[in-house]
Amino acid sequence: MIIALLATSTTVLAQHNPQDYVVTTAGDTLRGNLLLTSKRTVKLRQAGSNRTFGPTEISSFGDKEGVIGRSQIVSAHGKPQFVTPLVAGPVSLYSGVNAQGDKRFFLQVPDTAYLLEIPPQTAQLTFHRLLSGCSSIAFGTNQSIRRYPIKYQGLTKLVLDYNACTKPEQPSRLVKSAVGLRMAYGIKAGMNTGDFSLSFEPNPEKQEQSVGYQGGIFLQLSNKTRTSLILEATYQTLQSMYRSTALPDFYGNTRSLSVDYSQLQIPLLLRYTAGNGVIRPFVNGGFLYSKNLKNRSVEINDSKTMPSNNTRRAIVTSQNAGYGLAAGVGAVIKRNSLPELSLEVRYDRMRYGNYVYYTPQYTALRFDIGLAF
């Protein structure tokens, strides 16, 4: 089966890998693929190496969409840390985490080379001290608190309004930070083996074979972290043959059941990929929806003594739409200048309809090979 799987399963993936970058404190620009798994460090994958940088080593990082983060000193005697620019102008606004790991906003006022944290509990006092000279903004009043809440919308509006009030001749703008999303799409094919639990009679007991096939397209979104979201649309055949283990009856009748579905499956999976080397294992899991396109399942009655009694009765289920769960493990093999190879084993569990006694349930084990360019 493994040899047949390797011969028949293939995935062709087209990836749009933006050229990410970091700018070192010496002014050099290094290009590669960013991996952002920590607020304290930045990883850059380059040909033949994976490098990790701290805020004392680089001044900024981003991709073709723009700047994702900068290294800035927080407080007069603080150390550099990574922050995200939100507003650029005479007074600038940033977001990030403080030394305690809490999410915070930071201000940079004119003639200072460092950022100042905005504590949520004493934000109005901080504004009073740092943002003077605009009579139209009365800090500490109920109107000001409602108009400028301590969140992204409120603080970006506050800084833009303050800059327009005190320095109307100098430009002030929202910084369009790069979200860091990567998109990949491709086609997919493979094999599956499974088993049906059928609630109707007869229910033959012995399963003889259960091999099906699948193929389709998918979309993968990642955000420069180890997690990604995968949406698939797959055409799949589910096939099983069951034969009764009971002896033929007085007339030599035997019963068997052929289950043959063709369906559209739409899984939505969350994937986590580990490692930075050549082999990178991953796990994924999520929800699964299916819609039966064809049902060629039949109940077969054969008689050796009375062929006229032979029958083939179509089996019709109460529901054509199913739902369930999916989970899998695999690995990606990645080498420089070569296509990316991936191997995956996945477990699917489906149920059709909401009626316990009239609903087939299906469990399957899928095998897939991926080839990414």
Protein backbone atom coordinates (compact mmCIF):
# COMPACT_ATOMS: atom_id res chain seq x y z
CA MET A 1 0.00 0.00 0.00
CA ILE A 2 2.84 2.40 0.83
CA ILE A 3 4.40 1.86 -2.60
CA ALA A 4 1.06 2.46 -4.29
CA LEU A 5 0.55 5.55 -2.15
CA LEU A 6 3.92 6.99 -3.12
CA ALA A 7 3.12 6.36 -6.76
CA THR A 8 -0.35 7.85 -6.71
CA SER A 9 -0.22 10.66 -4.12
CA THR A 10 1.19 14.04 -5.04
CA THR A 11 0.70 17.62 -4.02
CA VAL A 12 1.83 20.54 -6.08
CA LEU A 13 2.07 23.75 -4.09
CA ALA A 14 2.65 27.26 -5.35
CA GLN A 15 4.00 29.47 -2.58
CA HIS A 16 4.26 33.21 -2.47
CA ASN A 17 7.19 33.71 -0.11
CA PRO A 18 7.77 37.41 0.33
CA GLN A 19 11.37 38.52 0.72
CA ASP A 20 11.46 39.46 4.39
CA TYR A 21 14.29 41.53 5.79
CA VAL A 22 16.09 42.76 8.87
CA VAL A 23 18.19 45.93 9.09
CA THR A 24 21.18 45.56 11.38
CA THR A 25 22.43 48.30 13.69
CA ALA A 26 25.39 48.64 11.29
CA GLY A 27 22.97 49.53 8.47
CA ASP A 28 23.16 46.25 6.55
CA THR A 29 19.97 44.74 5.10
CA LEU A 30 19.70 40.95 5.34
CA ARG A 31 16.98 39.13 3.39
CA GLY A 32 15.30 35.79 4.00
CA ASN A 33 12.11 34.49 5.66
CA LEU A 34 11.10 35.78 9.09
CA LEU A 35 9.89 33.54 11.89
CA LEU A 36 8.29 35.51 14.73
CA THR A 37 7.79 33.19 17.69
CA SER A 38 8.83 35.55 20.48
CA LYS A 39 8.40 39.21 21.40
CA ARG A 40 12.07 39.34 22.41
CA THR A 41 13.81 37.85 19.34
CA VAL A 42 13.46 37.65 15.56
CA LYS A 43 14.53 34.63 13.50
CA LEU A 44 15.60 34.97 9.86
CA ARG A 45 15.84 31.89 7.66
CA GLN A 46 18.43 32.23 4.92
CA ALA A 47 20.01 29.81 2.50
CA GLY A 48 22.03 27.43 4.61
CA SER A 49 21.46 29.14 7.96
CA ASN A 50 18.91 30.24 10.56
CA ARG A 51 19.89 33.36 12.50
CA THR A 52 18.34 34.82 15.64
CA PHE A 53 18.52 38.55 16.40
CA GLY A 54 17.77 40.57 19.50
CA PRO A 55 16.78 44.25 19.76
CA THR A 56 20.42 45.28 20.30
CA GLU A 57 21.48 43.73 16.98
CA ILE A 58 18.89 45.05 14.50
CA SER A 59 17.05 48.34 14.13
CA SER A 60 13.98 47.12 12.20
CA PHE A 61 12.44 44.16 10.38
CA GLY A 62 9.58 43.66 7.93
CA ASP A 63 8.57 42.36 4.52
CA LYS A 64 7.57 43.75 1.13
CA GLU A 65 4.37 45.20 2.65
CA GLY A 66 6.25 47.40 5.11
CA VAL A 67 7.77 47.56 8.57
CA ILE A 68 6.63 44.95 11.11
CA GLY A 69 8.73 46.07 14.06
CA ARG A 70 11.49 48.39 15.24
CA SER A 71 14.04 48.36 18.02
CA GLN A 72 13.52 51.29 20.41
CA ILE A 73 14.81 52.20 23.88
CA VAL A 74 12.00 52.26 26.45
CA SER A 75 12.42 54.79 29.31
CA ALA A 76 15.40 57.08 29.83
CA HIS A 77 17.65 54.36 31.25
CA GLY A 78 16.02 51.34 29.66
CA LYS A 79 17.18 48.82 27.11
CA PRO A 80 16.11 48.44 23.47
CA GLN A 81 13.11 46.25 22.74
CA PHE A 82 10.96 45.45 19.73
CA VAL A 83 7.85 47.59 19.20
CA THR A 84 5.35 48.10 16.38
CA PRO A 85 4.97 51.63 14.93
CA LEU A 86 1.38 52.90 14.85
CA VAL A 87 1.56 56.69 14.28
CA ALA A 88 4.52 58.64 12.85
CA GLY A 89 4.72 62.38 13.48
CA PRO A 90 5.97 64.99 15.95
CA VAL A 91 4.58 62.68 18.63
CA SER A 92 4.76 59.02 17.63
CA LEU A 93 2.84 56.04 18.97
CA TYR A 94 4.02 52.43 19.30
CA SER A 95 2.68 49.17 20.69
CA GLY A 96 4.57 46.27 22.25
CA VAL A 97 5.22 44.55 25.56
CA ASN A 98 6.89 46.03 28.63
CA ALA A 99 9.59 44.44 30.77
CA GLN A 100 6.94 42.45 32.64
CA GLY A 101 5.56 40.99 29.40
CA ASP A 102 2.32 43.00 29.45
CA LYS A 103 0.92 44.50 26.24
CA ARG A 104 1.29 48.27 26.32
CA PHE A 105 1.29 51.44 24.21
CA PHE A 106 4.28 53.81 24.13
CA LEU A 107 4.74 57.47 23.22
CA GLN A 108 7.76 59.18 21.74
CA VAL A 109 7.62 62.95 22.23
CA PRO A 110 9.82 65.54 20.45
CA ASP A 111 13.48 65.84 21.44
CA THR A 112 13.60 62.42 23.13
CA ALA A 113 15.37 59.34 21.82
CA TYR A 114 13.40 56.89 23.92
CA LEU A 115 9.80 55.75 24.40
CA LEU A 116 7.57 56.26 27.41
CA GLU A 117 5.04 53.65 28.49
CA ILE A 118 1.36 54.60 28.87
CA PRO A 119 0.18 52.87 32.09
CA PRO A 120 -3.58 52.13 31.73
CA GLN A 121 -4.32 53.09 35.36
CA THR A 122 -2.62 56.53 35.14
CA ALA A 123 -2.96 57.22 31.42
CA GLN A 124 -4.65 60.62 31.87
CA LEU A 125 -1.84 61.84 34.15
CA THR A 126 0.73 60.66 31.59
CA PHE A 127 -1.07 62.56 28.82
CA HIS A 128 -1.27 65.67 31.04
CA ARG A 129 2.48 65.53 31.61
CA LEU A 130 3.64 64.71 28.09
CA LEU A 131 1.00 66.21 25.78
CA SER A 132 0.58 69.85 26.72
CA GLY A 133 -0.21 72.87 24.60
CA CYS A 134 -3.57 71.90 23.09
CA SER A 135 -6.55 73.52 24.80
CA SER A 136 -9.10 71.60 22.72
CA ILE A 137 -8.08 68.31 24.35
CA ALA A 138 -8.93 68.41 28.06
CA PHE A 139 -7.31 65.35 29.59
CA GLY A 140 -9.01 63.85 32.61
CA THR A 141 -12.54 64.86 31.64
CA ASN A 142 -15.30 62.32 30.98
CA GLN A 143 -15.53 63.55 27.39
CA SER A 144 -11.81 62.97 26.78
CA ILE A 145 -11.87 59.53 28.41
CA ARG A 146 -14.82 58.46 26.24
CA ARG A 147 -13.33 59.95 23.08
CA TYR A 148 -9.84 58.50 23.51
CA PRO A 149 -10.11 55.04 25.15
CA ILE A 150 -6.87 53.20 25.91
CA LYS A 151 -6.99 51.00 22.83
CA TYR A 152 -5.75 51.16 19.25
CA GLN A 153 -8.59 53.27 17.84
CA GLY A 154 -8.63 55.71 20.74
CA LEU A 155 -4.89 56.29 21.06
CA THR A 156 -4.15 56.59 17.33
CA LYS A 157 -6.91 59.20 17.11
CA LEU A 158 -5.52 61.01 20.16
CA VAL A 159 -1.99 61.27 18.76
CA LEU A 160 -3.22 62.34 15.31
CA ASP A 161 -5.51 65.00 16.85
CA TYR A 162 -2.76 66.24 19.15
CA ASN A 163 -0.21 66.53 16.33
CA ALA A 164 -2.73 68.38 14.15
CA CYS A 165 -3.46 70.75 17.04
CA THR A 166 0.13 71.54 18.09
CA LYS A 167 2.13 71.01 14.85
CA PRO A 168 -0.30 71.46 11.95
CA GLU A 169 2.58 72.25 9.56
CA GLN A 170 4.30 68.90 10.18
CA PRO A 171 2.92 65.67 8.66
CA SER A 172 1.44 63.03 10.91
CA ARG A 173 0.16 59.70 9.62
CA LEU A 174 -0.94 56.23 10.54
CA VAL A 175 1.75 53.66 9.88
CA LYS A 176 0.48 50.79 7.78
CA SER A 177 2.24 47.95 9.53
CA ALA A 178 2.73 44.76 7.57
CA VAL A 179 0.51 42.01 8.93
CA GLY A 180 3.13 39.49 7.91
CA LEU A 181 0.70 37.08 6.22
CA ARG A 182 1.93 34.47 3.76
CA MET A 183 -0.41 32.69 1.38
CA ALA A 184 0.15 29.35 -0.29
CA TYR A 185 -2.16 27.43 -2.57
CA GLY A 186 -1.90 24.13 -4.35
CA ILE A 187 -3.49 20.86 -5.43
CA LYS A 188 -3.64 17.69 -3.43
CA ALA A 189 -4.15 13.96 -4.02
CA GLY A 190 -3.89 10.78 -2.00
CA MET A 191 -5.46 7.56 -0.73
CA ASN A 192 -7.68 6.68 2.20
CA THR A 193 -8.82 3.58 4.02
CA GLY A 194 -11.85 3.56 6.27
CA ASP A 195 -14.77 1.86 7.92
CA PHE A 196 -18.51 2.57 8.10
CA SER A 197 -20.77 2.02 11.10
CA LEU A 198 -24.21 1.54 9.58
CA SER A 199 -27.38 1.69 11.63
CA PHE A 200 -29.76 0.00 9.17
CA GLU A 201 -30.33 -3.73 8.61
CA PRO A 202 -28.79 -5.89 7.34
CA ASN A 203 -25.41 -5.02 8.78
CA PRO A 204 -22.88 -7.53 7.39
CA GLU A 205 -20.01 -8.14 9.75
CA LYS A 206 -16.90 -8.85 7.67
CA GLN A 207 -15.12 -6.00 5.88
CA GLU A 208 -13.18 -7.18 2.83
CA GLN A 209 -11.64 -4.03 1.40
CA SER A 210 -11.89 -0.31 1.98
CA VAL A 211 -9.68 1.82 -0.25
CA GLY A 212 -10.67 5.22 -1.63
CA TYR A 213 -8.99 8.18 -3.25
CA GLN A 214 -9.04 11.95 -2.86
CA GLY A 215 -7.83 15.00 -4.74
CA GLY A 216 -8.47 18.71 -4.56
CA ILE A 217 -7.15 22.20 -3.87
CA PHE A 218 -6.15 24.04 -0.70
CA LEU A 219 -5.21 27.44 0.65
CA GLN A 220 -2.72 27.94 3.50
CA LEU A 221 -2.28 31.15 5.48
CA SER A 222 0.57 31.72 7.92
CA ASN A 223 1.70 34.80 9.85
CA LYS A 224 5.45 34.31 10.29
CA THR A 225 4.85 32.11 13.32
CA ARG A 226 4.80 28.32 13.63
CA THR A 227 1.01 28.18 13.20
CA SER A 228 -0.93 28.29 9.95
CA LEU A 229 -4.54 27.93 8.81
CA ILE A 230 -5.40 25.51 6.02
CA LEU A 231 -8.65 25.40 4.04
CA GLU A 232 -9.15 22.48 1.66
CA ALA A 233 -11.75 21.56 -0.95
CA THR A 234 -11.31 17.87 -1.78
CA TYR A 235 -13.17 15.42 -4.01
CA GLN A 236 -13.08 12.06 -2.26
CA THR A 237 -14.34 8.55 -2.86
CA LEU A 238 -15.20 6.38 0.16
CA GLN A 239 -15.49 2.68 -0.58
CA SER A 240 -16.01 -0.42 1.54
CA MET A 241 -17.31 -3.96 0.94
CA TYR A 242 -18.92 -5.97 3.75
CA ARG A 243 -20.01 -9.60 3.68
CA SER A 244 -22.08 -11.42 6.23
CA THR A 245 -20.25 -14.02 8.31
CA ALA A 246 -23.49 -16.01 8.74
CA LEU A 247 -23.95 -19.21 6.72
CA PRO A 248 -26.26 -19.09 3.67
CA ASP A 249 -29.93 -19.66 4.52
CA PHE A 250 -32.09 -22.59 3.34
CA TYR A 251 -32.24 -21.18 -0.19
CA GLY A 252 -28.49 -20.53 -0.35
CA ASN A 253 -28.91 -16.76 -0.01
CA THR A 254 -25.95 -14.64 1.11
CA ARG A 255 -25.97 -10.94 1.82
CA SER A 256 -23.31 -8.32 1.25
CA LEU A 257 -23.10 -4.57 1.31
CA SER A 258 -21.15 -2.31 -1.06
CA VAL A 259 -20.66 1.22 0.28
CA ASP A 260 -19.56 3.69 -2.39
CA TYR A 261 -19.77 7.44 -1.78
CA SER A 262 -18.36 10.31 -3.84
CA GLN A 263 -18.31 13.53 -1.89
CA LEU A 264 -16.90 17.02 -1.53
CA GLN A 265 -14.97 17.52 1.69
CA ILE A 266 -14.08 20.92 3.14
CA PRO A 267 -11.70 20.69 6.12
CA LEU A 268 -10.57 23.74 8.07
CA LEU A 269 -7.36 22.88 9.91
CA LEU A 270 -4.97 24.62 12.28
CA ARG A 271 -1.36 23.46 11.82
CA TYR A 272 1.65 23.82 14.12
CA THR A 273 5.11 23.23 12.61
CA ALA A 274 8.18 22.63 14.79
CA GLY A 275 11.87 22.81 14.10
CA ASN A 276 14.14 24.88 11.86
CA GLY A 277 16.20 22.14 10.26
CA VAL A 278 15.81 20.07 7.13
CA ILE A 279 13.03 17.91 8.64
CA ARG A 280 10.23 19.88 10.33
CA PRO A 281 7.44 17.85 11.95
CA PHE A 282 3.92 19.22 12.21
CA VAL A 283 0.55 18.43 13.76
CA ASN A 284 -2.83 19.70 12.62
CA GLY A 285 -6.46 19.41 13.56
CA GLY A 286 -9.81 21.01 12.94
CA PHE A 287 -13.33 20.66 11.60
CA LEU A 288 -14.58 18.76 8.59
CA TYR A 289 -17.69 19.25 6.42
CA SER A 290 -18.74 16.95 3.58
CA LYS A 291 -21.46 16.86 0.95
CA ASN A 292 -22.28 13.62 -0.83
CA LEU A 293 -22.31 14.10 -4.60
CA LYS A 294 -23.08 10.48 -5.52
CA ASN A 295 -24.26 7.48 -3.54
CA ARG A 296 -23.77 4.18 -5.35
CA SER A 297 -24.16 2.05 -2.22
CA VAL A 298 -26.19 -1.16 -2.65
CA GLU A 299 -27.33 -4.13 -0.60
CA ILE A 300 -26.68 -7.35 -2.53
CA ASN A 301 -28.62 -10.62 -2.06
CA ASP A 302 -27.17 -13.60 -3.95
CA SER A 303 -28.68 -17.09 -4.20
CA LYS A 304 -26.79 -19.99 -5.72
CA THR A 305 -29.86 -22.25 -5.79
CA MET A 306 -32.42 -19.69 -6.98
CA PRO A 307 -30.73 -17.00 -9.13
CA SER A 308 -34.13 -15.40 -9.68
CA ASN A 309 -33.98 -14.26 -6.05
CA ASN A 310 -30.82 -12.19 -6.65
CA THR A 311 -31.42 -8.52 -5.82
CA ARG A 312 -29.43 -5.30 -5.69
CA ARG A 313 -31.21 -2.70 -3.57
CA ALA A 314 -29.95 0.88 -3.46
CA ILE A 315 -29.28 2.22 0.03
CA VAL A 316 -30.49 5.76 0.61
CA THR A 317 -29.42 7.65 3.74
CA SER A 318 -31.50 10.29 5.44
CA GLN A 319 -28.81 12.98 5.07
CA ASN A 320 -26.33 13.85 2.30
CA ALA A 321 -24.34 16.37 4.34
CA GLY A 322 -21.94 15.34 7.08
CA TYR A 323 -19.71 16.95 9.67
CA GLY A 324 -16.91 15.80 11.91
CA LEU A 325 -13.34 16.23 13.10
CA ALA A 326 -9.92 15.72 11.53
CA ALA A 327 -6.44 15.43 13.03
CA GLY A 328 -3.08 14.49 11.56
CA VAL A 329 0.69 14.41 11.89
CA GLY A 330 3.43 14.71 9.32
CA ALA A 331 6.73 16.25 8.41
CA VAL A 332 8.12 18.71 5.89
CA ILE A 333 11.51 18.04 4.31
CA LYS A 334 13.01 21.32 3.20
CA ARG A 335 16.31 21.74 1.38
CA ASN A 336 17.70 24.84 -0.23
CA SER A 337 17.06 25.21 -3.97
CA LEU A 338 14.95 22.03 -4.00
CA PRO A 339 11.16 21.51 -3.91
CA GLU A 340 9.67 21.06 -0.45
CA LEU A 341 8.53 17.51 0.29
CA SER A 342 5.86 16.77 2.91
CA LEU A 343 4.37 13.54 4.24
CA GLU A 344 1.11 13.39 6.20
CA VAL A 345 -1.13 10.85 7.91
CA ARG A 346 -4.58 12.08 8.93
CA TYR A 347 -7.54 10.64 10.82
CA ASP A 348 -11.08 11.73 9.84
CA ARG A 349 -14.32 10.98 11.68
CA MET A 350 -17.61 11.88 9.98
CA ARG A 351 -21.28 11.68 10.85
CA TYR A 352 -24.25 12.27 8.55
CA GLY A 353 -27.40 13.83 9.96
CA ASN A 354 -28.71 14.03 13.51
CA TYR A 355 -30.61 10.76 13.88
CA VAL A 356 -28.67 8.19 15.86
CA TYR A 357 -30.43 5.10 14.49
CA TYR A 358 -30.53 6.14 10.84
CA THR A 359 -27.14 7.75 10.44
CA PRO A 360 -23.98 6.17 9.02
CA GLN A 361 -20.73 7.15 10.72
CA TYR A 362 -17.40 6.94 8.95
CA THR A 363 -13.81 6.86 10.18
CA ALA A 364 -10.90 7.07 7.76
CA LEU A 365 -7.13 7.11 7.75
CA ARG A 366 -5.66 9.28 4.97
CA PHE A 367 -2.19 9.19 3.46
CA ASP A 368 -0.77 12.17 1.57
CA ILE A 369 2.53 13.20 0.01
CA GLY A 370 3.23 16.85 -0.74
CA LEU A 371 5.62 18.48 -3.13
CA ALA A 372 6.01 22.24 -2.69
CA PHE A 373 7.76 24.59 -5.10
